[in-house]
Amino acid sequence: MTAAAPLPEQPPTGSVDPREHDHFLVRQRVRFMVNQYEVSTLAADGKSEDRPVCFVQQKRMALKEDLRAYVDDSKEQEVFRIKAHTRWDPRARYAVTDPSGAAIGELGKVFGASLLRSTWKVFDPAGQEIAWAQERSMGVALFRRFVGFVPLIGGLLEYIPIPYHFDYYAGEHLVGGLRRLLGIRDRYVLDLSGDTGRVVDRRLGVALAVGMDAMQAR
């Protein structure tokens, strides 16, 4: 497996470099007609917020999925960007790039496996698969799909506190997970502490956590 790229000499001014951390809180903001998220590191207790990492916004009315992560709400400094190569393709891959446009890696939804349980793959800048993530519970996954087709109830699915957890793997090795916290708005704890070799660039881990919520209309 390919190790994550080495850290730059200095991260963007005023930002926390996510590659130096293993635990994150991803919180969806309450906004109308636009997906916005706040990402912060977690304190040693794994429960309370520590320092902000980035603010993420999904581009409105874009023909191709486009999410931008910034140091803060000023949107003056980017941390990373997620953008689809093609539009409206269930098998699409999403490029994750740094502020200079250099490739960090790619994310790709596995269409066949996702019919039962949402499954994603993570690729390094050379296009080699380095990790994958899958919805933890088959039963919960099937229940979510069933409820989504029920009139009236399906439209309220995002407000129903259904557990929406993912496991992250590098090959067959469990390296972390994404756990949804109960509440009206989507909040997730991302734990990549099992990736002791830091195979997964933490920016890719955070990008996948945000992307799975935003691009799956969670």
N, C-alpha and C. Protein backbone atom coordinates (compact mmCIF):
# COMPACT_ATOMS: atom_id res chain seq x y z
N MET A 1 0.84 -1.20 0.00
CA MET A 1 0.00 0.00 0.00
C MET A 1 0.87 1.24 0.00
N THR A 2 0.37 2.29 -0.63
CA THR A 2 1.13 3.52 -0.75
C THR A 2 0.88 4.41 0.45
N ALA A 3 1.93 4.94 1.05
CA ALA A 3 1.78 5.84 2.20
C ALA A 3 1.33 7.20 1.74
N ALA A 4 0.68 7.94 2.64
CA ALA A 4 0.23 9.29 2.31
C ALA A 4 1.42 10.18 2.02
N ALA A 5 1.17 11.24 1.23
CA ALA A 5 2.24 12.16 0.88
C ALA A 5 2.78 12.84 2.14
N PRO A 6 4.08 13.18 2.16
CA PRO A 6 4.64 13.84 3.33
C PRO A 6 4.00 15.20 3.57
N LEU A 7 4.02 15.64 4.81
CA LEU A 7 3.43 16.93 5.15
C LEU A 7 4.24 18.05 4.52
N PRO A 8 3.58 19.14 4.10
CA PRO A 8 4.32 20.27 3.58
C PRO A 8 5.05 20.97 4.72
N GLU A 9 5.95 21.87 4.38
CA GLU A 9 6.69 22.57 5.42
C GLU A 9 5.76 23.37 6.31
N GLN A 10 4.77 24.02 5.72
CA GLN A 10 3.82 24.80 6.50
C GLN A 10 2.42 24.64 5.92
N PRO A 11 1.39 24.41 6.77
CA PRO A 11 0.01 24.35 6.28
C PRO A 11 -0.47 25.76 5.96
N PRO A 12 -1.65 25.89 5.31
CA PRO A 12 -2.19 27.22 5.04
C PRO A 12 -2.28 28.04 6.31
N THR A 13 -2.03 29.33 6.20
CA THR A 13 -2.01 30.21 7.36
C THR A 13 -3.32 30.14 8.14
N GLY A 14 -3.20 29.95 9.44
CA GLY A 14 -4.37 29.95 10.30
C GLY A 14 -5.14 28.65 10.34
N SER A 15 -4.66 27.62 9.63
CA SER A 15 -5.41 26.38 9.58
C SER A 15 -4.74 25.29 10.39
N VAL A 16 -5.51 24.26 10.70
CA VAL A 16 -5.01 23.06 11.33
C VAL A 16 -4.83 22.02 10.24
N ASP A 17 -3.65 21.46 10.11
CA ASP A 17 -3.40 20.47 9.07
C ASP A 17 -4.04 19.15 9.49
N PRO A 18 -5.06 18.67 8.78
CA PRO A 18 -5.75 17.45 9.20
C PRO A 18 -4.86 16.22 9.18
N ARG A 19 -3.76 16.25 8.43
CA ARG A 19 -2.88 15.09 8.35
C ARG A 19 -2.14 14.82 9.66
N GLU A 20 -2.21 15.76 10.57
CA GLU A 20 -1.55 15.57 11.87
C GLU A 20 -2.50 15.02 12.93
N HIS A 21 -3.74 14.67 12.54
CA HIS A 21 -4.75 14.25 13.51
C HIS A 21 -5.43 12.97 13.06
N ASP A 22 -6.11 12.33 14.01
CA ASP A 22 -6.80 11.06 13.72
C ASP A 22 -8.29 11.11 14.03
N HIS A 23 -8.72 12.07 14.84
CA HIS A 23 -10.12 12.13 15.27
C HIS A 23 -10.74 13.47 14.87
N PHE A 24 -11.92 13.38 14.25
CA PHE A 24 -12.57 14.58 13.74
C PHE A 24 -14.08 14.54 14.02
N LEU A 25 -14.65 15.73 14.14
CA LEU A 25 -16.10 15.88 14.21
C LEU A 25 -16.55 16.59 12.94
N VAL A 26 -17.49 15.97 12.24
CA VAL A 26 -18.06 16.56 11.03
C VAL A 26 -19.50 16.94 11.34
N ARG A 27 -19.82 18.21 11.22
CA ARG A 27 -21.15 18.69 11.60
C ARG A 27 -21.80 19.45 10.45
N GLN A 28 -22.99 19.04 10.08
CA GLN A 28 -23.72 19.74 9.02
C GLN A 28 -24.37 20.99 9.59
N ARG A 29 -24.23 22.08 8.88
CA ARG A 29 -24.87 23.32 9.31
C ARG A 29 -26.34 23.32 8.89
N VAL A 30 -27.15 24.05 9.62
CA VAL A 30 -28.57 24.19 9.27
C VAL A 30 -28.68 25.34 8.28
N ARG A 31 -28.76 25.00 6.99
CA ARG A 31 -28.86 25.99 5.92
C ARG A 31 -29.90 25.53 4.91
N PHE A 32 -30.58 26.49 4.30
CA PHE A 32 -31.62 26.18 3.32
C PHE A 32 -31.02 26.15 1.92
N MET A 33 -31.27 25.05 1.19
CA MET A 33 -30.89 24.92 -0.22
C MET A 33 -29.39 24.80 -0.47
N VAL A 34 -28.59 24.59 0.55
CA VAL A 34 -27.17 24.41 0.32
C VAL A 34 -26.60 23.55 1.44
N ASN A 35 -25.70 22.63 1.07
CA ASN A 35 -25.03 21.81 2.06
C ASN A 35 -23.77 22.50 2.55
N GLN A 36 -23.67 22.69 3.85
CA GLN A 36 -22.48 23.25 4.46
C GLN A 36 -22.10 22.41 5.68
N TYR A 37 -20.80 22.31 5.90
CA TYR A 37 -20.30 21.48 6.99
C TYR A 37 -19.16 22.19 7.71
N GLU A 38 -19.02 21.87 8.98
CA GLU A 38 -17.88 22.32 9.77
C GLU A 38 -17.12 21.08 10.23
N VAL A 39 -15.81 21.10 10.07
CA VAL A 39 -14.98 19.99 10.48
C VAL A 39 -14.00 20.49 11.53
N SER A 40 -13.90 19.78 12.63
CA SER A 40 -12.96 20.14 13.69
C SER A 40 -12.28 18.89 14.21
N THR A 41 -11.14 19.07 14.84
CA THR A 41 -10.50 17.94 15.51
C THR A 41 -11.22 17.68 16.83
N LEU A 42 -11.03 16.50 17.36
CA LEU A 42 -11.61 16.17 18.65
C LEU A 42 -10.54 16.15 19.72
N ALA A 43 -10.93 16.52 20.93
CA ALA A 43 -10.01 16.51 22.06
C ALA A 43 -9.68 15.07 22.44
N ALA A 44 -8.79 14.92 23.39
CA ALA A 44 -8.32 13.59 23.78
C ALA A 44 -9.45 12.70 24.29
N ASP A 45 -10.51 13.30 24.81
CA ASP A 45 -11.63 12.49 25.31
C ASP A 45 -12.47 11.91 24.20
N GLY A 46 -12.21 12.36 22.94
CA GLY A 46 -12.94 11.83 21.79
C GLY A 46 -14.38 12.30 21.69
N LYS A 47 -14.76 13.28 22.51
CA LYS A 47 -16.15 13.74 22.53
C LYS A 47 -16.28 15.23 22.27
N SER A 48 -15.41 16.02 22.85
CA SER A 48 -15.54 17.48 22.73
C SER A 48 -14.67 18.02 21.59
N GLU A 49 -15.13 19.11 20.97
CA GLU A 49 -14.39 19.73 19.88
C GLU A 49 -13.10 20.36 20.40
N ASP A 50 -12.10 20.34 19.54
CA ASP A 50 -10.83 20.93 19.91
C ASP A 50 -10.57 22.16 19.04
N ARG A 51 -10.11 21.95 17.81
CA ARG A 51 -9.78 23.08 16.93
C ARG A 51 -10.44 22.92 15.58
N PRO A 52 -10.92 24.04 14.97
CA PRO A 52 -11.53 23.96 13.65
C PRO A 52 -10.51 23.55 12.59
N VAL A 53 -10.94 22.71 11.66
CA VAL A 53 -10.09 22.28 10.54
C VAL A 53 -10.48 23.00 9.26
N CYS A 54 -11.78 22.97 8.94
CA CYS A 54 -12.22 23.62 7.71
C CYS A 54 -13.73 23.78 7.70
N PHE A 55 -14.17 24.61 6.77
CA PHE A 55 -15.58 24.83 6.48
C PHE A 55 -15.79 24.35 5.04
N VAL A 56 -16.81 23.52 4.80
CA VAL A 56 -17.04 22.94 3.48
C VAL A 56 -18.40 23.38 2.95
N GLN A 57 -18.44 23.75 1.69
CA GLN A 57 -19.71 24.11 1.06
C GLN A 57 -19.83 23.42 -0.29
N GLN A 58 -21.02 22.88 -0.54
CA GLN A 58 -21.32 22.26 -1.83
C GLN A 58 -21.78 23.34 -2.79
N LYS A 59 -21.20 23.37 -3.98
CA LYS A 59 -21.55 24.39 -4.95
C LYS A 59 -22.99 24.22 -5.41
N ARG A 60 -23.74 25.31 -5.42
CA ARG A 60 -25.14 25.25 -5.80
C ARG A 60 -25.32 25.10 -7.31
N MET A 61 -26.34 24.32 -7.69
CA MET A 61 -26.77 24.21 -9.09
C MET A 61 -25.62 23.84 -10.03
N ALA A 62 -24.65 23.09 -9.54
CA ALA A 62 -23.53 22.71 -10.40
C ALA A 62 -23.92 21.49 -11.23
N LEU A 63 -23.47 21.46 -12.50
CA LEU A 63 -23.75 20.32 -13.36
C LEU A 63 -22.96 19.10 -12.90
N LYS A 64 -21.82 19.32 -12.28
CA LYS A 64 -21.03 18.26 -11.70
C LYS A 64 -20.82 18.57 -10.22
N GLU A 65 -20.84 17.51 -9.41
CA GLU A 65 -20.66 17.71 -7.97
C GLU A 65 -19.36 18.48 -7.72
N ASP A 66 -19.45 19.48 -6.84
CA ASP A 66 -18.31 20.34 -6.56
C ASP A 66 -18.42 20.82 -5.12
N LEU A 67 -17.50 20.37 -4.26
CA LEU A 67 -17.47 20.80 -2.87
C LEU A 67 -16.12 21.43 -2.59
N ARG A 68 -16.14 22.57 -1.89
CA ARG A 68 -14.90 23.28 -1.57
C ARG A 68 -14.73 23.35 -0.05
N ALA A 69 -13.54 23.00 0.40
CA ALA A 69 -13.21 23.12 1.82
C ALA A 69 -12.29 24.32 2.00
N TYR A 70 -12.67 25.21 2.91
CA TYR A 70 -11.91 26.43 3.18
C TYR A 70 -11.46 26.45 4.63
N VAL A 71 -10.45 27.26 4.91
CA VAL A 71 -9.97 27.42 6.28
C VAL A 71 -11.09 27.96 7.16
N ASP A 72 -11.88 28.92 6.62
CA ASP A 72 -12.98 29.50 7.40
C ASP A 72 -14.02 30.07 6.44
N ASP A 73 -15.01 30.77 7.02
CA ASP A 73 -16.13 31.30 6.22
C ASP A 73 -15.74 32.39 5.24
N SER A 74 -14.58 32.96 5.39
CA SER A 74 -14.16 34.00 4.46
C SER A 74 -13.92 33.43 3.06
N LYS A 75 -13.69 32.13 2.98
CA LYS A 75 -13.46 31.42 1.72
C LYS A 75 -12.23 31.95 0.97
N GLU A 76 -11.29 32.49 1.70
CA GLU A 76 -10.10 33.05 1.08
C GLU A 76 -9.00 32.00 0.86
N GLN A 77 -8.97 30.96 1.70
CA GLN A 77 -7.95 29.93 1.58
C GLN A 77 -8.60 28.55 1.52
N GLU A 78 -8.31 27.83 0.46
CA GLU A 78 -8.84 26.48 0.33
C GLU A 78 -7.96 25.49 1.08
N VAL A 79 -8.60 24.41 1.54
CA VAL A 79 -7.88 23.30 2.16
C VAL A 79 -7.84 22.12 1.17
N PHE A 80 -9.00 21.83 0.58
CA PHE A 80 -9.08 20.83 -0.48
C PHE A 80 -10.36 21.06 -1.26
N ARG A 81 -10.48 20.35 -2.38
CA ARG A 81 -11.66 20.46 -3.24
C ARG A 81 -12.06 19.06 -3.69
N ILE A 82 -13.37 18.81 -3.77
CA ILE A 82 -13.89 17.55 -4.27
C ILE A 82 -14.71 17.87 -5.52
N LYS A 83 -14.37 17.25 -6.63
CA LYS A 83 -15.09 17.54 -7.86
C LYS A 83 -15.24 16.28 -8.70
N ALA A 84 -16.45 16.07 -9.24
CA ALA A 84 -16.71 14.90 -10.08
C ALA A 84 -16.07 15.08 -11.45
N HIS A 85 -15.58 13.98 -11.99
CA HIS A 85 -15.02 14.01 -13.34
C HIS A 85 -16.14 14.14 -14.38
N THR A 86 -17.27 13.47 -14.12
CA THR A 86 -18.42 13.49 -15.02
C THR A 86 -19.66 13.86 -14.24
N ARG A 87 -20.76 14.08 -14.92
CA ARG A 87 -21.98 14.48 -14.23
C ARG A 87 -23.02 13.35 -14.27
N TRP A 88 -23.76 13.25 -13.19
CA TRP A 88 -24.88 12.32 -13.06
C TRP A 88 -24.51 10.89 -13.44
N ASP A 89 -23.41 10.43 -12.90
CA ASP A 89 -22.96 9.07 -13.17
C ASP A 89 -22.86 8.33 -11.85
N PRO A 90 -23.67 7.27 -11.64
CA PRO A 90 -23.64 6.56 -10.35
C PRO A 90 -22.29 5.90 -10.07
N ARG A 91 -21.48 5.71 -11.11
CA ARG A 91 -20.15 5.12 -10.93
C ARG A 91 -19.05 6.18 -10.97
N ALA A 92 -19.43 7.44 -10.85
CA ALA A 92 -18.46 8.54 -11.02
C ALA A 92 -17.36 8.48 -9.97
N ARG A 93 -16.19 8.97 -10.37
CA ARG A 93 -15.10 9.16 -9.43
C ARG A 93 -14.91 10.65 -9.21
N TYR A 94 -14.52 10.98 -8.00
CA TYR A 94 -14.41 12.37 -7.59
C TYR A 94 -12.95 12.70 -7.27
N ALA A 95 -12.41 13.70 -7.95
CA ALA A 95 -11.05 14.11 -7.71
C ALA A 95 -10.98 14.96 -6.45
N VAL A 96 -10.00 14.69 -5.61
CA VAL A 96 -9.74 15.51 -4.43
C VAL A 96 -8.39 16.17 -4.65
N THR A 97 -8.38 17.49 -4.67
CA THR A 97 -7.17 18.24 -4.98
C THR A 97 -6.84 19.23 -3.87
N ASP A 98 -5.58 19.65 -3.82
CA ASP A 98 -5.16 20.63 -2.83
C ASP A 98 -5.34 22.04 -3.39
N PRO A 99 -5.01 23.08 -2.63
CA PRO A 99 -5.24 24.46 -3.11
C PRO A 99 -4.54 24.79 -4.41
N SER A 100 -3.44 24.12 -4.72
CA SER A 100 -2.72 24.39 -5.97
C SER A 100 -3.29 23.62 -7.15
N GLY A 101 -4.24 22.72 -6.88
CA GLY A 101 -4.80 21.89 -7.93
C GLY A 101 -4.13 20.54 -8.06
N ALA A 102 -3.11 20.28 -7.25
CA ALA A 102 -2.41 19.00 -7.28
C ALA A 102 -3.31 17.91 -6.69
N ALA A 103 -3.21 16.71 -7.24
CA ALA A 103 -4.06 15.61 -6.81
C ALA A 103 -3.68 15.13 -5.41
N ILE A 104 -4.68 15.00 -4.56
CA ILE A 104 -4.52 14.34 -3.26
C ILE A 104 -4.93 12.88 -3.41
N GLY A 105 -5.94 12.65 -4.24
CA GLY A 105 -6.45 11.30 -4.48
C GLY A 105 -7.81 11.36 -5.12
N GLU A 106 -8.52 10.26 -5.10
CA GLU A 106 -9.85 10.18 -5.68
C GLU A 106 -10.77 9.35 -4.79
N LEU A 107 -12.06 9.62 -4.90
CA LEU A 107 -13.10 8.85 -4.23
C LEU A 107 -14.00 8.27 -5.30
N GLY A 108 -14.46 7.07 -5.10
CA GLY A 108 -15.35 6.46 -6.08
C GLY A 108 -16.40 5.59 -5.42
N LYS A 109 -17.65 5.77 -5.81
CA LYS A 109 -18.71 4.94 -5.26
C LYS A 109 -18.78 3.63 -6.04
N VAL A 110 -18.88 2.52 -5.32
CA VAL A 110 -18.99 1.19 -5.94
C VAL A 110 -20.47 0.92 -6.17
N PHE A 111 -20.91 1.07 -7.42
CA PHE A 111 -22.33 1.07 -7.72
C PHE A 111 -23.01 -0.24 -7.34
N GLY A 112 -22.47 -1.38 -7.76
CA GLY A 112 -23.13 -2.66 -7.51
C GLY A 112 -23.27 -2.95 -6.03
N ALA A 113 -22.17 -2.85 -5.29
CA ALA A 113 -22.21 -3.12 -3.86
C ALA A 113 -23.11 -2.15 -3.13
N SER A 114 -23.22 -0.91 -3.64
CA SER A 114 -23.98 0.13 -2.96
C SER A 114 -25.48 -0.07 -3.11
N LEU A 115 -25.91 -1.00 -3.97
CA LEU A 115 -27.34 -1.28 -4.06
C LEU A 115 -27.85 -1.88 -2.75
N LEU A 116 -26.97 -2.56 -2.03
CA LEU A 116 -27.33 -3.14 -0.73
C LEU A 116 -26.77 -2.32 0.42
N ARG A 117 -25.47 -2.07 0.37
CA ARG A 117 -24.82 -1.26 1.40
C ARG A 117 -23.91 -0.25 0.71
N SER A 118 -24.05 1.02 1.05
CA SER A 118 -23.21 2.04 0.43
C SER A 118 -21.74 1.69 0.62
N THR A 119 -21.01 1.69 -0.50
CA THR A 119 -19.61 1.30 -0.49
C THR A 119 -18.81 2.28 -1.35
N TRP A 120 -17.69 2.74 -0.82
CA TRP A 120 -16.83 3.69 -1.53
C TRP A 120 -15.39 3.19 -1.52
N LYS A 121 -14.65 3.59 -2.54
CA LYS A 121 -13.22 3.30 -2.61
C LYS A 121 -12.42 4.60 -2.57
N VAL A 122 -11.22 4.50 -2.03
CA VAL A 122 -10.32 5.65 -1.92
C VAL A 122 -9.04 5.32 -2.70
N PHE A 123 -8.63 6.26 -3.55
CA PHE A 123 -7.47 6.06 -4.41
C PHE A 123 -6.41 7.12 -4.12
N ASP A 124 -5.15 6.74 -4.30
CA ASP A 124 -4.06 7.69 -4.12
C ASP A 124 -3.88 8.54 -5.38
N PRO A 125 -2.96 9.51 -5.40
CA PRO A 125 -2.80 10.37 -6.59
C PRO A 125 -2.45 9.61 -7.86
N ALA A 126 -1.87 8.41 -7.72
CA ALA A 126 -1.52 7.61 -8.90
C ALA A 126 -2.68 6.74 -9.37
N GLY A 127 -3.82 6.81 -8.68
CA GLY A 127 -4.98 6.03 -9.07
C GLY A 127 -5.03 4.63 -8.48
N GLN A 128 -4.12 4.32 -7.53
CA GLN A 128 -4.12 3.02 -6.90
C GLN A 128 -5.06 3.01 -5.69
N GLU A 129 -5.85 1.95 -5.57
CA GLU A 129 -6.76 1.85 -4.43
C GLU A 129 -5.95 1.66 -3.14
N ILE A 130 -6.24 2.50 -2.15
CA ILE A 130 -5.53 2.40 -0.87
C ILE A 130 -6.48 2.08 0.28
N ALA A 131 -7.77 2.30 0.08
CA ALA A 131 -8.72 2.06 1.16
C ALA A 131 -10.13 1.97 0.61
N TRP A 132 -11.05 1.52 1.44
CA TRP A 132 -12.45 1.48 1.06
C TRP A 132 -13.30 1.61 2.31
N ALA A 133 -14.53 2.04 2.11
CA ALA A 133 -15.44 2.25 3.23
C ALA A 133 -16.79 1.64 2.89
N GLN A 134 -17.41 1.02 3.88
CA GLN A 134 -18.71 0.38 3.65
C GLN A 134 -19.63 0.61 4.83
N GLU A 135 -20.91 0.79 4.53
CA GLU A 135 -21.92 0.95 5.56
C GLU A 135 -21.86 -0.27 6.48
N ARG A 136 -21.84 -0.04 7.77
CA ARG A 136 -21.55 -1.09 8.73
C ARG A 136 -22.62 -2.16 8.80
N SER A 137 -23.88 -1.77 8.85
CA SER A 137 -24.97 -2.72 9.10
C SER A 137 -25.79 -2.96 7.85
N MET A 138 -25.87 -4.22 7.42
CA MET A 138 -26.72 -4.56 6.28
C MET A 138 -28.19 -4.30 6.61
N GLY A 139 -28.60 -4.66 7.84
CA GLY A 139 -29.99 -4.47 8.23
C GLY A 139 -30.41 -3.02 8.19
N VAL A 140 -29.58 -2.13 8.73
CA VAL A 140 -29.88 -0.70 8.72
C VAL A 140 -29.90 -0.17 7.30
N ALA A 141 -28.96 -0.64 6.47
CA ALA A 141 -28.90 -0.19 5.08
C ALA A 141 -30.18 -0.55 4.33
N LEU A 142 -30.65 -1.77 4.50
CA LEU A 142 -31.88 -2.20 3.82
C LEU A 142 -33.09 -1.45 4.37
N PHE A 143 -33.10 -1.18 5.68
CA PHE A 143 -34.20 -0.43 6.26
C PHE A 143 -34.25 0.99 5.70
N ARG A 144 -33.09 1.63 5.58
CA ARG A 144 -33.05 2.98 5.03
C ARG A 144 -33.61 3.00 3.61
N ARG A 145 -33.24 2.00 2.81
CA ARG A 145 -33.73 1.96 1.44
C ARG A 145 -35.23 1.73 1.39
N PHE A 146 -35.74 0.86 2.27
CA PHE A 146 -37.18 0.60 2.31
C PHE A 146 -37.95 1.85 2.71
N VAL A 147 -37.50 2.51 3.79
CA VAL A 147 -38.18 3.71 4.27
C VAL A 147 -38.16 4.81 3.22
N GLY A 148 -37.08 4.88 2.44
CA GLY A 148 -36.97 5.91 1.42
C GLY A 148 -38.05 5.84 0.36
N PHE A 149 -38.65 4.66 0.18
CA PHE A 149 -39.69 4.50 -0.83
C PHE A 149 -41.10 4.66 -0.26
N VAL A 150 -41.20 4.80 1.05
CA VAL A 150 -42.52 4.94 1.68
C VAL A 150 -43.00 6.38 1.54
N PRO A 151 -44.20 6.60 0.97
CA PRO A 151 -44.72 7.97 0.83
C PRO A 151 -44.74 8.69 2.16
N LEU A 152 -44.46 9.99 2.12
CA LEU A 152 -44.43 10.88 3.28
C LEU A 152 -43.24 10.60 4.19
N ILE A 153 -43.10 9.36 4.64
CA ILE A 153 -42.00 9.04 5.55
C ILE A 153 -40.66 9.17 4.85
N GLY A 154 -40.58 8.75 3.58
CA GLY A 154 -39.33 8.82 2.85
C GLY A 154 -38.76 10.22 2.78
N GLY A 155 -39.64 11.22 2.64
CA GLY A 155 -39.18 12.60 2.56
C GLY A 155 -38.64 13.12 3.88
N LEU A 156 -38.96 12.44 4.97
CA LEU A 156 -38.49 12.86 6.30
C LEU A 156 -37.31 12.02 6.77
N LEU A 157 -36.74 11.21 5.86
CA LEU A 157 -35.71 10.26 6.25
C LEU A 157 -34.52 10.93 6.93
N GLU A 158 -34.11 12.12 6.43
CA GLU A 158 -32.93 12.75 7.01
C GLU A 158 -33.15 13.22 8.44
N TYR A 159 -34.43 13.32 8.85
CA TYR A 159 -34.72 13.77 10.21
C TYR A 159 -34.94 12.59 11.16
N ILE A 160 -34.93 11.36 10.63
CA ILE A 160 -35.09 10.18 11.47
C ILE A 160 -33.71 9.75 11.95
N PRO A 161 -33.51 9.61 13.25
CA PRO A 161 -32.17 9.30 13.77
C PRO A 161 -31.76 7.85 13.54
N ILE A 162 -31.62 7.47 12.26
CA ILE A 162 -31.19 6.11 11.93
C ILE A 162 -29.66 6.04 12.02
N PRO A 163 -29.12 5.04 12.67
CA PRO A 163 -27.66 4.91 12.72
C PRO A 163 -27.10 4.80 11.29
N TYR A 164 -26.11 5.62 10.99
CA TYR A 164 -25.53 5.64 9.65
C TYR A 164 -24.02 5.60 9.85
N HIS A 165 -23.52 4.39 10.02
CA HIS A 165 -22.12 4.21 10.37
C HIS A 165 -21.36 3.53 9.23
N PHE A 166 -20.11 3.91 9.05
CA PHE A 166 -19.24 3.30 8.05
C PHE A 166 -17.98 2.79 8.71
N ASP A 167 -17.44 1.71 8.15
CA ASP A 167 -16.12 1.22 8.53
C ASP A 167 -15.15 1.54 7.41
N TYR A 168 -13.96 1.99 7.77
CA TYR A 168 -12.89 2.29 6.81
C TYR A 168 -11.87 1.15 6.86
N TYR A 169 -11.48 0.63 5.70
CA TYR A 169 -10.51 -0.44 5.60
C TYR A 169 -9.36 -0.06 4.69
N ALA A 170 -8.18 -0.57 4.99
CA ALA A 170 -7.04 -0.55 4.08
C ALA A 170 -6.78 -2.01 3.76
N GLY A 171 -7.18 -2.45 2.58
CA GLY A 171 -7.17 -3.87 2.29
C GLY A 171 -8.21 -4.55 3.16
N GLU A 172 -7.80 -5.54 3.96
CA GLU A 172 -8.72 -6.22 4.88
C GLU A 172 -8.57 -5.70 6.31
N HIS A 173 -7.72 -4.71 6.48
CA HIS A 173 -7.43 -4.20 7.83
C HIS A 173 -8.34 -3.03 8.17
N LEU A 174 -9.08 -3.16 9.27
CA LEU A 174 -9.95 -2.08 9.72
C LEU A 174 -9.09 -0.95 10.27
N VAL A 175 -9.20 0.23 9.67
CA VAL A 175 -8.35 1.35 10.10
C VAL A 175 -9.14 2.47 10.77
N GLY A 176 -10.46 2.38 10.77
CA GLY A 176 -11.23 3.44 11.40
C GLY A 176 -12.70 3.34 11.05
N GLY A 177 -13.42 4.40 11.36
CA GLY A 177 -14.84 4.39 11.07
C GLY A 177 -15.45 5.77 11.18
N LEU A 178 -16.65 5.86 10.65
CA LEU A 178 -17.44 7.08 10.69
C LEU A 178 -18.73 6.75 11.41
N ARG A 179 -19.00 7.44 12.51
CA ARG A 179 -20.15 7.13 13.34
C ARG A 179 -21.06 8.33 13.44
N ARG A 180 -22.33 8.12 13.10
CA ARG A 180 -23.29 9.21 13.19
C ARG A 180 -23.76 9.38 14.63
N LEU A 181 -23.80 10.64 15.09
CA LEU A 181 -24.32 10.95 16.41
C LEU A 181 -25.81 11.24 16.30
N LEU A 182 -26.57 10.83 17.28
CA LEU A 182 -28.01 11.05 17.25
C LEU A 182 -28.30 12.54 17.36
N GLY A 183 -29.28 12.99 16.57
CA GLY A 183 -29.66 14.40 16.57
C GLY A 183 -30.42 14.73 15.31
N ILE A 184 -31.01 15.93 15.29
CA ILE A 184 -31.80 16.33 14.12
C ILE A 184 -30.91 16.55 12.91
N ARG A 185 -29.81 17.24 13.08
CA ARG A 185 -28.89 17.49 11.98
C ARG A 185 -27.78 16.44 12.00
N ASP A 186 -27.17 16.24 10.84
CA ASP A 186 -26.15 15.22 10.71
C ASP A 186 -24.85 15.64 11.40
N ARG A 187 -24.37 14.78 12.29
CA ARG A 187 -23.09 14.97 12.95
C ARG A 187 -22.39 13.61 12.98
N TYR A 188 -21.11 13.63 12.68
CA TYR A 188 -20.37 12.38 12.60
C TYR A 188 -19.04 12.50 13.33
N VAL A 189 -18.62 11.41 13.93
CA VAL A 189 -17.28 11.30 14.49
C VAL A 189 -16.47 10.40 13.56
N LEU A 190 -15.37 10.93 13.07
CA LEU A 190 -14.47 10.19 12.20
C LEU A 190 -13.22 9.79 12.99
N ASP A 191 -12.97 8.51 13.05
CA ASP A 191 -11.83 7.98 13.81
C ASP A 191 -10.94 7.19 12.85
N LEU A 192 -9.72 7.70 12.62
CA LEU A 192 -8.77 7.01 11.75
C LEU A 192 -7.53 6.56 12.52
N SER A 193 -7.69 6.38 13.82
CA SER A 193 -6.55 6.02 14.66
C SER A 193 -5.99 4.64 14.35
N GLY A 194 -6.80 3.77 13.72
CA GLY A 194 -6.31 2.44 13.36
C GLY A 194 -5.33 2.46 12.22
N ASP A 195 -5.27 3.57 11.50
CA ASP A 195 -4.35 3.70 10.38
C ASP A 195 -3.01 4.23 10.90
N THR A 196 -2.31 3.37 11.64
CA THR A 196 -1.07 3.81 12.27
C THR A 196 0.04 4.11 11.27
N GLY A 197 -0.04 3.49 10.09
CA GLY A 197 0.95 3.77 9.05
C GLY A 197 0.60 4.97 8.22
N ARG A 198 -0.54 5.60 8.52
CA ARG A 198 -1.00 6.80 7.84
C ARG A 198 -1.03 6.58 6.32
N VAL A 199 -1.59 5.44 5.94
CA VAL A 199 -1.77 5.11 4.52
C VAL A 199 -2.78 6.07 3.89
N VAL A 200 -3.83 6.39 4.64
CA VAL A 200 -4.89 7.27 4.14
C VAL A 200 -4.59 8.71 4.51
N ASP A 201 -4.39 9.54 3.52
CA ASP A 201 -4.23 10.98 3.76
C ASP A 201 -5.49 11.46 4.48
N ARG A 202 -5.31 12.12 5.62
CA ARG A 202 -6.47 12.52 6.42
C ARG A 202 -7.41 13.46 5.66
N ARG A 203 -6.88 14.20 4.70
CA ARG A 203 -7.76 15.04 3.88
C ARG A 203 -8.72 14.18 3.08
N LEU A 204 -8.24 13.02 2.59
CA LEU A 204 -9.13 12.09 1.88
C LEU A 204 -10.16 11.50 2.82
N GLY A 205 -9.74 11.17 4.04
CA GLY A 205 -10.68 10.63 5.02
C GLY A 205 -11.79 11.61 5.33
N VAL A 206 -11.42 12.87 5.54
CA VAL A 206 -12.42 13.91 5.82
C VAL A 206 -13.28 14.16 4.58
N ALA A 207 -12.65 14.21 3.41
CA ALA A 207 -13.40 14.44 2.16
C ALA A 207 -14.44 13.35 1.95
N LEU A 208 -14.07 12.11 2.24
CA LEU A 208 -15.03 11.01 2.09
C LEU A 208 -16.18 11.14 3.08
N ALA A 209 -15.87 11.50 4.32
CA ALA A 209 -16.92 11.66 5.33
C ALA A 209 -17.93 12.72 4.92
N VAL A 210 -17.44 13.85 4.45
CA VAL A 210 -18.33 14.93 4.01
C VAL A 210 -19.03 14.54 2.73
N GLY A 211 -18.29 13.95 1.78
CA GLY A 211 -18.87 13.61 0.49
C GLY A 211 -19.96 12.58 0.58
N MET A 212 -19.81 11.59 1.46
CA MET A 212 -20.84 10.56 1.58
C MET A 212 -22.15 11.16 2.07
N ASP A 213 -22.08 12.16 2.92
CA ASP A 213 -23.30 12.81 3.39
C ASP A 213 -23.89 13.71 2.31
N ALA A 214 -23.06 14.55 1.72
CA ALA A 214 -23.55 15.53 0.75
C ALA A 214 -23.99 14.90 -0.56
N MET A 215 -23.19 13.99 -1.10
CA MET A 215 -23.46 13.44 -2.43
C MET A 215 -24.47 12.31 -2.41
N GLN A 216 -24.78 11.78 -1.23
CA GLN A 216 -25.84 10.79 -1.12
C GLN A 216 -27.11 11.42 -0.59
N ALA A 217 -27.14 12.76 -0.59
CA ALA A 217 -28.35 13.49 -0.16
C ALA A 217 -28.79 13.07 1.23
N ARG A 218 -27.80 12.84 2.14
CA ARG A 218 -28.14 12.52 3.51
C ARG A 218 -28.62 13.77 4.22
